[in-house]
Amino acid sequence: MGDDLDLSAVQNASNGNSDSQKMMTYTTQKKSEALAVVLSFFIPGLGQMVTGYFGKGIIFFLVEFVLAVMAFILSFIFIGLLLWPVWFGIWIWNLIDAYLTIKKFNTNLMLKLQND
């Protein structure tokens, strides 16, 4: 009976160590939602690229860039003025998506660590 108690104490200690390692892994690998939004604020798509969604980030960047150039060039005629609200809407969508992408990344990381 004494051996059973010692064995359970060792198992509890190893589980505690495993949990602390998981928490340390989560803390070091999780991404900052605020940083992603700030990055995407200045360079559209960069917040998505931080988590490895390079394709999504490049698409946001290219769409924003092309719309901005088109809106600037066509600003001399009426249609260019209509492109600025579209550009702004996609830019806001980019910020929201950067936040949600990082949130999803962190949630999946936590679930992965819990299941291991």
Protein backbone atom coordinates (compact mmCIF):
# COMPACT_ATOMS: atom_id res chain seq x y z
CA MET A 1 0.00 0.00 0.00
CA GLY A 2 2.89 2.35 0.68
CA ASP A 3 4.27 1.61 -2.78
CA ASP A 4 0.92 2.60 -4.33
CA LEU A 5 1.01 5.98 -2.57
CA ASP A 6 4.57 6.64 -3.70
CA LEU A 7 3.71 5.67 -7.28
CA SER A 8 0.71 8.00 -7.36
CA ALA A 9 2.84 10.83 -5.93
CA VAL A 10 5.38 10.31 -8.72
CA GLN A 11 2.60 10.28 -11.34
CA ASN A 12 1.11 13.47 -9.91
CA ALA A 13 4.51 15.14 -9.91
CA SER A 14 5.16 14.14 -13.52
CA ASN A 15 1.68 15.33 -14.53
CA GLY A 16 2.34 18.66 -12.84
CA ASN A 17 5.62 18.96 -14.70
CA SER A 18 3.90 18.07 -17.96
CA ASP A 19 1.21 20.68 -17.34
CA SER A 20 3.80 23.33 -16.59
CA GLN A 21 5.69 22.40 -19.76
CA LYS A 22 2.46 22.67 -21.74
CA MET A 23 1.75 26.06 -20.21
CA MET A 24 5.27 27.22 -21.01
CA THR A 25 4.91 25.97 -24.58
CA TYR A 26 1.58 27.79 -24.92
CA THR A 27 3.03 30.99 -23.47
CA THR A 28 6.01 30.98 -25.81
CA GLN A 29 4.15 29.95 -28.98
CA LYS A 30 0.93 31.96 -28.67
CA LYS A 31 0.59 35.07 -30.79
CA SER A 32 -0.54 38.54 -29.74
CA GLU A 33 -3.88 39.67 -31.15
CA ALA A 34 -2.95 43.32 -30.61
CA LEU A 35 0.32 42.93 -32.50
CA ALA A 36 -1.47 41.29 -35.43
CA VAL A 37 -3.96 44.14 -35.64
CA VAL A 38 -1.22 46.78 -35.43
CA LEU A 39 0.82 45.04 -38.12
CA SER A 40 -2.23 44.79 -40.38
CA PHE A 41 -3.05 48.42 -39.66
CA PHE A 42 0.19 49.54 -41.27
CA ILE A 43 0.69 46.74 -43.83
CA PRO A 44 -2.51 44.92 -44.82
CA GLY A 45 -2.11 41.15 -44.57
CA LEU A 46 0.94 41.17 -42.32
CA GLY A 47 -1.12 40.18 -39.28
CA GLN A 48 -2.31 37.06 -41.11
CA MET A 49 1.22 36.24 -42.24
CA VAL A 50 2.44 36.25 -38.64
CA THR A 51 0.48 33.04 -38.01
CA GLY A 52 1.56 31.39 -41.23
CA TYR A 53 -1.45 32.27 -43.38
CA PHE A 54 0.81 33.63 -46.12
CA GLY A 55 -1.69 33.18 -48.93
CA LYS A 56 -4.42 35.06 -47.11
CA GLY A 57 -1.97 37.80 -46.14
CA ILE A 58 -0.67 38.21 -49.68
CA ILE A 59 -4.23 38.38 -51.04
CA PHE A 60 -5.15 41.11 -48.54
CA PHE A 61 -2.00 43.03 -49.39
CA LEU A 62 -2.44 42.80 -53.16
CA VAL A 63 -6.14 43.69 -53.09
CA GLU A 64 -5.49 46.70 -50.86
CA PHE A 65 -2.53 47.82 -52.96
CA VAL A 66 -4.33 47.48 -56.30
CA LEU A 67 -7.45 49.23 -54.97
CA ALA A 68 -5.40 52.10 -53.53
CA VAL A 69 -3.49 52.59 -56.78
CA MET A 70 -6.68 52.40 -58.85
CA ALA A 71 -8.52 54.78 -56.53
CA PHE A 72 -5.64 57.24 -56.64
CA ILE A 73 -5.30 57.14 -60.43
CA LEU A 74 -9.05 57.29 -61.00
CA SER A 75 -9.67 59.96 -58.36
CA PHE A 76 -9.74 62.50 -61.13
CA ILE A 77 -12.98 60.99 -62.34
CA PHE A 78 -15.98 60.03 -60.25
CA ILE A 79 -15.37 56.26 -60.17
CA GLY A 80 -12.11 56.72 -58.31
CA LEU A 81 -13.94 58.41 -55.48
CA LEU A 82 -16.20 55.37 -55.20
CA LEU A 83 -13.21 53.05 -54.77
CA TRP A 84 -11.99 54.69 -51.55
CA PRO A 85 -14.93 53.41 -49.43
CA VAL A 86 -14.40 49.93 -50.90
CA TRP A 87 -10.71 50.13 -50.02
CA PHE A 88 -11.56 51.29 -46.51
CA GLY A 89 -14.09 48.48 -46.02
CA ILE A 90 -11.58 45.83 -47.07
CA TRP A 91 -8.96 47.45 -44.83
CA ILE A 92 -11.34 47.18 -41.83
CA TRP A 93 -12.11 43.57 -42.81
CA ASN A 94 -8.34 42.94 -42.88
CA LEU A 95 -8.00 44.21 -39.29
CA ILE A 96 -10.89 42.10 -38.02
CA ASP A 97 -9.62 39.04 -39.88
CA ALA A 98 -6.12 39.48 -38.43
CA TYR A 99 -7.58 39.49 -34.91
CA LEU A 100 -9.81 36.46 -35.57
CA THR A 101 -7.00 34.53 -37.28
CA ILE A 102 -4.68 34.98 -34.28
CA LYS A 103 -7.53 34.11 -31.89
CA LYS A 104 -8.16 30.90 -33.87
CA PHE A 105 -4.43 30.09 -33.89
CA ASN A 106 -4.19 30.50 -30.10
CA THR A 107 -7.34 28.43 -29.49
CA ASN A 108 -6.08 25.61 -31.72
CA LEU A 109 -2.70 25.71 -29.97
CA MET A 110 -4.38 25.41 -26.56
CA LEU A 111 -6.60 22.52 -27.72
CA LYS A 112 -3.59 20.72 -29.23
CA LEU A 113 -1.63 21.04 -26.01
CA GLN A 114 -4.58 19.88 -23.92
CA ASN A 115 -5.04 16.78 -26.08
CA ASP A 116 -1.34 15.79 -25.98
